[in-house]
Amino acid sequence: MKKIFFLLMTAAFLLPGSQIMAQCSLCTKTAQQLGEGPAKGLNNGILMLAAAPLALGLFLGFRWWRSQRT
């Protein structure tokens, strides 16, 4: 059961989806005013900034999970 939960959570983080591309209301309004190309760049910038904390959280979670397993 724990293995299935871990795999599902990993897949949820790795698979692209519309909710992952969501933005705050201010960023959405700014992106709408910029146009299609810059809006994609803004979205990619937000995802790049979010990648480091998410990777750190996944790494720490994995280390904790591995230490609790033994």
C-alpha atoms as a PDB file:
ATOM      1  CA  MET A   1       0.000   0.000   0.000  1.00  0.00           C
ATOM      2  CA  LYS A   2       2.802   2.416   0.883  1.00  0.00           C
ATOM      3  CA  LYS A   3       4.620   1.581  -2.336  1.00  0.00           C
ATOM      4  CA  ILE A   4       1.524   2.335  -4.432  1.00  0.00           C
ATOM      5  CA  PHE A   5       0.997   5.640  -2.605  1.00  0.00           C
ATOM      6  CA  PHE A   6       4.630   6.611  -3.164  1.00  0.00           C
ATOM      7  CA  LEU A   7       4.411   5.786  -6.875  1.00  0.00           C
ATOM      8  CA  LEU A   8       1.187   7.764  -7.289  1.00  0.00           C
ATOM      9  CA  MET A   9       2.637  10.811  -5.557  1.00  0.00           C
ATOM     10  CA  THR A  10       5.779  10.611  -7.688  1.00  0.00           C
ATOM     11  CA  ALA A  11       3.685  10.358 -10.853  1.00  0.00           C
ATOM     12  CA  ALA A  12       1.576  13.338  -9.787  1.00  0.00           C
ATOM     13  CA  PHE A  13       4.706  15.482  -9.526  1.00  0.00           C
ATOM     14  CA  LEU A  14       6.280  14.283 -12.748  1.00  0.00           C
ATOM     15  CA  LEU A  15       3.332  14.196 -15.138  1.00  0.00           C
ATOM     16  CA  PRO A  16       2.430  17.475 -16.823  1.00  0.00           C
ATOM     17  CA  GLY A  17      -1.075  18.689 -16.204  1.00  0.00           C
ATOM     18  CA  SER A  18      -3.197  21.771 -16.367  1.00  0.00           C
ATOM     19  CA  GLN A  19      -3.167  22.292 -12.603  1.00  0.00           C
ATOM     20  CA  ILE A  20       0.610  22.287 -12.537  1.00  0.00           C
ATOM     21  CA  MET A  21       0.603  25.175 -14.994  1.00  0.00           C
ATOM     22  CA  ALA A  22      -1.737  27.260 -12.809  1.00  0.00           C
ATOM     23  CA  GLN A  23      -0.656  30.715 -11.704  1.00  0.00           C
ATOM     24  CA  CYS A  24      -1.711  33.277  -9.130  1.00  0.00           C
ATOM     25  CA  SER A  25      -4.287  35.841 -10.243  1.00  0.00           C
ATOM     26  CA  LEU A  26      -1.727  38.650 -10.662  1.00  0.00           C
ATOM     27  CA  CYS A  27       0.538  36.514 -12.826  1.00  0.00           C
ATOM     28  CA  THR A  28      -2.447  35.405 -14.917  1.00  0.00           C
ATOM     29  CA  LYS A  29      -3.532  38.991 -15.623  1.00  0.00           C
ATOM     30  CA  THR A  30       0.020  40.007 -16.484  1.00  0.00           C
ATOM     31  CA  ALA A  31       0.427  37.024 -18.798  1.00  0.00           C
ATOM     32  CA  GLN A  32      -2.856  37.816 -20.569  1.00  0.00           C
ATOM     33  CA  GLN A  33      -1.658  41.349 -21.278  1.00  0.00           C
ATOM     34  CA  LEU A  34       1.734  40.201 -22.579  1.00  0.00           C
ATOM     35  CA  GLY A  35       0.455  37.841 -25.251  1.00  0.00           C
ATOM     36  CA  GLU A  36       1.046  34.175 -26.074  1.00  0.00           C
ATOM     37  CA  GLY A  37       4.854  33.991 -26.323  1.00  0.00           C
ATOM     38  CA  PRO A  38       5.833  35.961 -23.215  1.00  0.00           C
ATOM     39  CA  ALA A  39       3.069  34.255 -21.238  1.00  0.00           C
ATOM     40  CA  LYS A  40       4.664  30.866 -21.921  1.00  0.00           C
ATOM     41  CA  GLY A  41       8.031  32.283 -20.858  1.00  0.00           C
ATOM     42  CA  LEU A  42       6.516  33.592 -17.621  1.00  0.00           C
ATOM     43  CA  ASN A  43       4.931  30.223 -16.960  1.00  0.00           C
ATOM     44  CA  ASN A  44       8.226  28.417 -17.592  1.00  0.00           C
ATOM     45  CA  GLY A  45      10.026  30.844 -15.260  1.00  0.00           C
ATOM     46  CA  ILE A  46       7.550  30.132 -12.474  1.00  0.00           C
ATOM     47  CA  LEU A  47       8.025  26.380 -12.961  1.00  0.00           C
ATOM     48  CA  MET A  48      11.816  26.744 -12.921  1.00  0.00           C
ATOM     49  CA  LEU A  49      11.677  28.688  -9.654  1.00  0.00           C
ATOM     50  CA  ALA A  50       9.422  26.016  -8.145  1.00  0.00           C
ATOM     51  CA  ALA A  51      11.641  23.123  -9.272  1.00  0.00           C
ATOM     52  CA  ALA A  52      14.412  23.557  -6.658  1.00  0.00           C
ATOM     53  CA  PRO A  53      12.162  23.555  -3.552  1.00  0.00           C
ATOM     54  CA  LEU A  54      10.136  20.650  -4.932  1.00  0.00           C
ATOM     55  CA  ALA A  55      13.273  18.652  -5.703  1.00  0.00           C
ATOM     56  CA  LEU A  56      14.633  19.347  -2.224  1.00  0.00           C
ATOM     57  CA  GLY A  57      11.334  18.271  -0.653  1.00  0.00           C
ATOM     58  CA  LEU A  58      11.252  15.090  -2.705  1.00  0.00           C
ATOM     59  CA  PHE A  59      14.861  14.308  -1.800  1.00  0.00           C
ATOM     60  CA  LEU A  60      14.256  14.841   1.923  1.00  0.00           C
ATOM     61  CA  GLY A  61      11.019  12.862   1.773  1.00  0.00           C
ATOM     62  CA  PHE A  62      12.758  10.001   0.028  1.00  0.00           C
ATOM     63  CA  ARG A  63      15.600   9.991   2.586  1.00  0.00           C
ATOM     64  CA  TRP A  64      13.071   9.978   5.435  1.00  0.00           C
ATOM     65  CA  TRP A  65      11.041   7.205   3.797  1.00  0.00           C
ATOM     66  CA  ARG A  66      14.163   5.110   3.248  1.00  0.00           C
ATOM     67  CA  SER A  67      15.331   5.564   6.851  1.00  0.00           C
ATOM     68  CA  GLN A  68      11.895   4.604   8.217  1.00  0.00           C
ATOM     69  CA  ARG A  69      11.691   1.528   6.039  1.00  0.00           C
ATOM     70  CA  THR A  70      14.572  -0.284   7.730  1.00  0.00           C
END
